[in-house]
Protein backbone atom coordinates (compact mmCIF):
# COMPACT_ATOMS: atom_id res chain seq x y z
CA UNK A 1 11.12 17.59 32.95
CA UNK A 2 10.57 15.12 30.08
CA UNK A 3 9.16 17.74 27.70
CA UNK A 4 10.78 16.45 24.52
CA UNK A 5 8.42 14.51 22.26
CA UNK A 6 10.41 11.41 21.37
CA UNK A 7 7.79 8.83 20.39
CA UNK A 8 4.68 10.18 18.68
CA UNK A 9 1.46 8.67 17.37
CA UNK A 10 -0.35 11.19 15.19
CA UNK A 11 -3.95 10.49 14.11
CA UNK A 12 -3.19 6.79 13.80
CA UNK A 13 -5.86 4.49 12.41
CA UNK A 14 -5.31 0.76 12.00
CA UNK A 15 -7.65 -1.42 9.96
CA UNK A 16 -6.89 -5.07 9.23
CA UNK A 17 -8.38 -6.75 6.18
CA UNK A 18 -10.91 -5.17 3.82
CA UNK A 19 -14.60 -5.12 3.04
CA UNK A 20 -16.94 -7.08 5.30
CA UNK A 21 -14.00 -8.96 6.82
CA UNK A 22 -12.17 -5.82 7.90
CA UNK A 23 -11.45 -5.09 11.56
CA UNK A 24 -10.98 -1.55 12.83
CA UNK A 25 -8.34 -2.10 15.53
CA UNK A 26 -7.25 1.45 16.41
CA UNK A 27 -9.03 4.78 15.96
CA UNK A 28 -7.64 8.31 16.17
CA UNK A 29 -4.59 7.58 18.31
CA UNK A 30 -2.76 10.74 19.38
CA UNK A 31 -0.04 10.21 21.95
CA UNK A 32 3.42 11.53 22.68
CA UNK A 33 6.05 9.99 24.93
CA UNK A 34 9.04 11.96 26.14
CA UNK A 35 12.61 10.75 25.99
CA UNK A 36 13.54 8.75 29.07
CA UNK A 37 9.98 8.08 30.20
CA UNK A 38 8.71 4.68 31.27
CA UNK A 39 5.17 4.36 29.91
CA UNK A 40 2.79 1.44 30.35
CA UNK A 41 -0.23 0.66 28.18
CA UNK A 42 -3.09 -1.11 29.91
CA UNK A 43 -6.54 -2.27 28.86
CA UNK A 44 -8.63 -5.36 28.26
CA UNK A 45 -7.68 -8.02 25.71
CA UNK A 46 -8.36 -6.91 22.15
CA UNK A 47 -7.91 -3.19 22.81
CA UNK A 48 -4.94 -2.80 20.44
CA UNK A 49 -2.07 -2.67 22.92
CA UNK A 50 0.17 -5.02 20.93
CA UNK A 51 -0.76 -3.24 17.71
CA UNK A 52 0.53 0.04 19.16
CA UNK A 53 3.78 -1.65 20.17
CA UNK A 54 4.15 -3.21 16.72
CA UNK A 55 3.76 0.20 15.10
CA UNK A 56 6.69 1.57 17.12
CA UNK A 57 8.74 -1.57 16.45
CA UNK A 58 8.10 -1.21 12.72
CA UNK A 59 6.46 -4.64 12.55
CA UNK A 60 3.26 -3.02 11.26
CA UNK A 61 2.35 0.14 9.37
CA UNK A 62 -0.68 2.29 10.22
CA UNK A 63 -3.55 2.42 7.75
CA UNK A 64 -3.39 6.18 8.16
CA UNK A 65 -1.55 8.63 10.40
CA UNK A 66 2.07 8.33 11.45
CA UNK A 67 4.38 6.86 14.06
CA UNK A 68 7.52 8.87 14.77
CA UNK A 69 10.57 7.95 16.87
CA UNK A 70 13.32 10.49 17.46
CA UNK A 71 11.93 12.81 14.79
CA UNK A 72 11.89 10.10 12.09
CA UNK A 73 8.89 8.28 10.65
CA UNK A 74 8.93 4.58 11.44
CA UNK A 75 8.99 2.65 8.16
CA UNK A 76 10.23 -0.74 9.38
CA UNK A 77 12.16 -2.54 12.11
CA UNK A 78 15.47 -1.12 13.27
CA UNK A 79 18.19 -1.77 15.83
CA UNK A 80 17.37 1.53 17.50
CA UNK A 81 14.25 -0.21 18.88
CA UNK A 82 14.50 -3.43 20.89
CA UNK A 83 11.58 -5.70 21.76
CA UNK A 84 11.23 -8.08 24.70
CA UNK A 85 8.32 -10.46 24.17
CA UNK A 86 6.36 -12.52 26.70
CA UNK A 87 8.12 -15.54 25.28
CA UNK A 88 11.88 -15.15 25.57
CA UNK A 89 12.67 -15.71 21.83
CA UNK A 90 16.18 -17.00 22.54
CA UNK A 91 17.94 -19.17 19.97
CA UNK A 92 18.02 -22.64 21.57
CA UNK A 93 21.38 -23.67 20.10
CA UNK A 94 23.23 -20.65 21.52
CA UNK A 95 24.35 -20.08 25.10
CA UNK A 96 22.95 -17.23 27.20
CA UNK A 97 26.06 -15.16 26.52
CA UNK A 98 26.00 -15.89 22.79
CA UNK A 99 22.31 -14.97 22.56
CA UNK A 100 23.13 -11.60 24.09
CA UNK A 101 26.17 -11.17 21.87
CA UNK A 102 24.12 -11.89 18.74
CA UNK A 103 22.32 -8.57 19.09
CA UNK A 104 25.55 -6.77 19.91
CA UNK A 105 27.24 -8.16 16.79
CA UNK A 106 24.40 -6.78 14.66
CA UNK A 107 24.29 -3.40 16.40
CA UNK A 108 28.05 -2.78 16.63
CA UNK A 109 29.70 -4.57 13.68
CA UNK A 110 32.48 -1.96 13.61
CA UNK A 111 33.67 -2.86 17.12
CA UNK A 112 36.37 -5.51 17.56
CA UNK A 113 35.40 -9.01 18.68
CA UNK A 114 36.79 -8.69 22.21
CA UNK A 115 34.80 -5.50 22.85
CA UNK A 116 31.61 -7.28 21.80
CA UNK A 117 32.38 -10.30 23.99
CA UNK A 118 33.05 -8.10 27.01
CA UNK A 119 29.86 -6.10 26.46
CA UNK A 120 27.81 -9.31 26.32
CA UNK A 121 29.41 -10.53 29.56
CA UNK A 122 28.74 -7.17 31.21
CA UNK A 123 25.01 -7.32 30.53
CA UNK A 124 24.76 -11.01 31.41
CA UNK A 125 26.31 -10.12 34.77
CA UNK A 126 24.00 -7.12 35.19
CA UNK A 127 20.92 -9.39 35.11
CA UNK A 128 22.49 -11.88 37.50
CA UNK A 129 23.24 -14.65 34.99
CA UNK A 130 27.03 -14.69 35.21
CA UNK A 131 27.05 -18.22 36.63
CA UNK A 132 24.77 -19.41 33.81
CA UNK A 133 26.38 -17.58 30.88
CA UNK A 134 27.47 -20.75 29.07
CA UNK A 135 24.17 -22.61 29.49
CA UNK A 136 21.67 -23.13 26.69
CA UNK A 137 18.07 -21.87 27.11
CA UNK A 138 16.81 -25.41 27.80
CA UNK A 139 19.09 -25.57 30.84
CA UNK A 140 17.75 -22.49 32.64
CA UNK A 141 14.43 -21.43 34.20
CA UNK A 142 11.74 -19.25 32.64
CA UNK A 143 12.77 -16.28 34.76
CA UNK A 144 16.39 -16.68 33.67
CA UNK A 145 15.33 -16.79 30.03
CA UNK A 146 13.52 -13.49 30.46
CA UNK A 147 16.59 -12.03 32.16
CA UNK A 148 18.62 -13.06 29.11
CA UNK A 149 16.09 -11.44 26.79
CA UNK A 150 16.21 -8.20 28.77
CA UNK A 151 20.02 -8.28 28.82
CA UNK A 152 20.05 -8.71 25.05
CA UNK A 153 17.65 -5.78 24.60
CA UNK A 154 19.63 -3.39 26.82
CA UNK A 155 22.99 -4.50 25.41
CA UNK A 156 22.22 -3.19 21.91
CA UNK A 157 21.73 0.31 23.40
CA UNK A 158 18.31 0.99 21.82
CA UNK A 159 16.74 4.43 21.91
CA UNK A 160 13.39 2.78 22.70
CA UNK A 161 12.78 -0.43 24.61
CA UNK A 162 9.47 -2.17 23.88
CA UNK A 163 8.16 -4.69 26.41
CA UNK A 164 5.21 -6.90 25.43
CA UNK A 165 4.03 -8.40 28.72
CA UNK A 166 7.58 -9.62 29.41
CA UNK A 167 6.73 -11.14 32.80
CA UNK A 168 3.24 -12.43 32.04
CA UNK A 169 4.25 -16.10 32.04
CA UNK A 170 6.19 -15.94 35.32
CA UNK A 171 5.06 -16.81 38.83
CA UNK A 172 4.35 -13.92 41.21
CA UNK A 173 7.63 -14.15 43.14
CA UNK A 174 9.81 -14.33 40.01
CA UNK A 175 7.77 -11.55 38.44
CA UNK A 176 8.51 -9.25 41.37
CA UNK A 177 12.22 -10.04 41.18
CA UNK A 178 12.25 -9.33 37.45
CA UNK A 179 10.45 -6.01 37.95
CA UNK A 180 13.17 -5.01 40.41
CA UNK A 181 15.91 -6.06 37.97
CA UNK A 182 14.26 -4.09 35.16
CA UNK A 183 14.00 -1.02 37.39
CA UNK A 184 17.70 -1.16 38.24
CA UNK A 185 18.68 -1.44 34.58
CA UNK A 186 16.34 1.37 33.56
CA UNK A 187 17.57 3.65 36.34
CA UNK A 188 21.14 3.23 35.08
CA UNK A 189 20.54 4.96 31.73
CA UNK A 190 16.84 5.92 31.50
CA UNK A 191 15.91 4.40 28.16
CA UNK A 192 12.54 5.36 26.73
CA UNK A 193 10.35 2.35 27.60
CA UNK A 194 6.89 1.37 26.40
CA UNK A 195 5.44 -1.65 28.18
CA UNK A 196 2.22 -3.59 27.70
CA UNK A 197 0.83 -5.15 30.85
CA UNK A 198 -2.41 -6.48 32.33
CA UNK A 199 -1.01 -6.14 35.85
CA UNK A 200 -2.18 -3.00 37.65
CA UNK A 201 0.46 -3.13 40.38
CA UNK A 202 3.22 -3.69 37.83
CA UNK A 203 2.09 -0.67 35.82
CA UNK A 204 2.02 1.62 38.86
CA UNK A 205 5.32 0.39 40.31
CA UNK A 206 7.31 0.76 37.08
CA UNK A 207 5.77 3.66 35.20
CA UNK A 208 5.97 7.42 34.89
CA UNK A 209 2.71 7.46 32.91
CA UNK A 210 0.00 4.88 32.20
CA UNK A 211 -2.05 4.89 29.00
CA UNK A 212 -5.61 3.55 29.42
CA UNK A 213 -7.08 2.02 26.27
CA UNK A 214 -10.80 1.71 25.48
CA UNK A 215 -12.23 -1.63 24.40
CA UNK A 216 -12.09 -2.62 20.74
CA UNK A 217 -13.07 -2.52 17.97
CA UNK A 218 -11.91 0.99 17.04
CA UNK A 219 -10.04 1.22 20.33
CA UNK A 220 -8.59 4.56 21.28
CA UNK A 221 -6.93 6.25 24.24
CA UNK A 222 -9.33 6.94 27.08
CA UNK A 223 -6.86 8.85 29.24
CA UNK A 224 -3.26 9.01 30.43
CA UNK A 225 -2.49 8.86 34.14
CA UNK A 226 0.63 10.41 35.63
CA UNK A 227 2.39 8.39 38.34
CA UNK A 228 3.93 11.12 40.53
CA UNK A 229 5.79 8.85 42.98
CA UNK A 230 9.45 9.66 43.53
CA UNK A 231 12.21 7.37 42.29
CA UNK A 232 13.85 5.10 43.18
CA UNK A 233 10.79 3.23 44.44
CA UNK A 234 10.89 0.77 47.29
CA UNK A 235 8.56 -2.21 47.00
CA UNK A 236 8.26 -2.60 50.77
CA UNK A 237 7.01 0.92 51.44
CA UNK A 238 5.17 1.72 48.22
CA UNK A 239 1.88 0.20 49.40
CA UNK A 240 1.56 3.01 51.94
CA UNK A 241 2.29 5.77 49.43
CA UNK A 242 -0.80 7.94 48.90
CA UNK A 243 0.03 8.47 45.21
CA UNK A 244 0.34 4.72 44.69
CA UNK A 245 -3.02 4.12 46.37
CA UNK A 246 -4.70 6.87 44.31
CA UNK A 247 -3.34 5.77 40.91
CA UNK A 248 -4.04 2.10 41.61
CA UNK A 249 -7.61 2.93 42.61
CA UNK A 250 -8.12 4.90 39.38
CA UNK A 251 -6.84 2.00 37.28
CA UNK A 252 -8.92 -0.65 39.03
CA UNK A 253 -12.04 1.53 38.80
CA UNK A 254 -11.55 2.10 35.07
CA UNK A 255 -10.81 -1.54 34.23
CA UNK A 256 -13.73 -2.78 36.30
CA UNK A 257 -16.13 -0.29 34.72
CA UNK A 258 -15.04 -1.11 31.18
CA UNK A 259 -15.20 -4.85 31.85
CA UNK A 260 -18.79 -4.52 33.01
CA UNK A 261 -19.58 -2.38 29.97
CA UNK A 262 -18.06 -4.98 27.67
CA UNK A 263 -20.05 -7.78 29.35
CA UNK A 264 -23.27 -5.76 28.96
């Protein structure tokens, strides 16, 4: 299962600046992600997690090596890849529904207007915002804004969904609810997902695989952990799952050890 290489980093190096002011962000990154996998990237601040995501999004180009999505080299941004940032990035003058439809209009310009309206409404409903569809971002909570951002990302039918700590600014209860909503959406069509997170439990609960990054500069991949728990996953029983306990322990041990090493 999941043998197809869909997203690939091949010998990627990333250096910012030049001369004495240069910073070697990433070193010798080799990684492949199969179609339909949910992969999390975890590590301490400054380890290049966001840089990796930006390379897939086409917001940055590697100094050397290549980033490939669906067999094609990434040369810039594209509607086949959708990004959900920690900050919702909604246009404040548009309603929730219109923010979602904005991406749909760009992705499916050949479709008639009514089809695009109905698709926007469908995804607004899917994230539980039907009653708030006509509200502006200033009129809804932070969790609702993130729901709208996720709806917009899924509605454009990307081949890869990129999540940059999308729930990092939310309280613990809202964060759990949003993780459940994301899981339901992902289970419906199994997009290829790459998520950055600092939250160990979030990574284990959501992911098929977890990429552990070394500390920067010249950060690289330390290892990749498989998360063998069956899906769908139930939040109430997962704490007793032996695979959950094992993977979580491995993550905590690694992050603690590398934090101490960094402090030394």
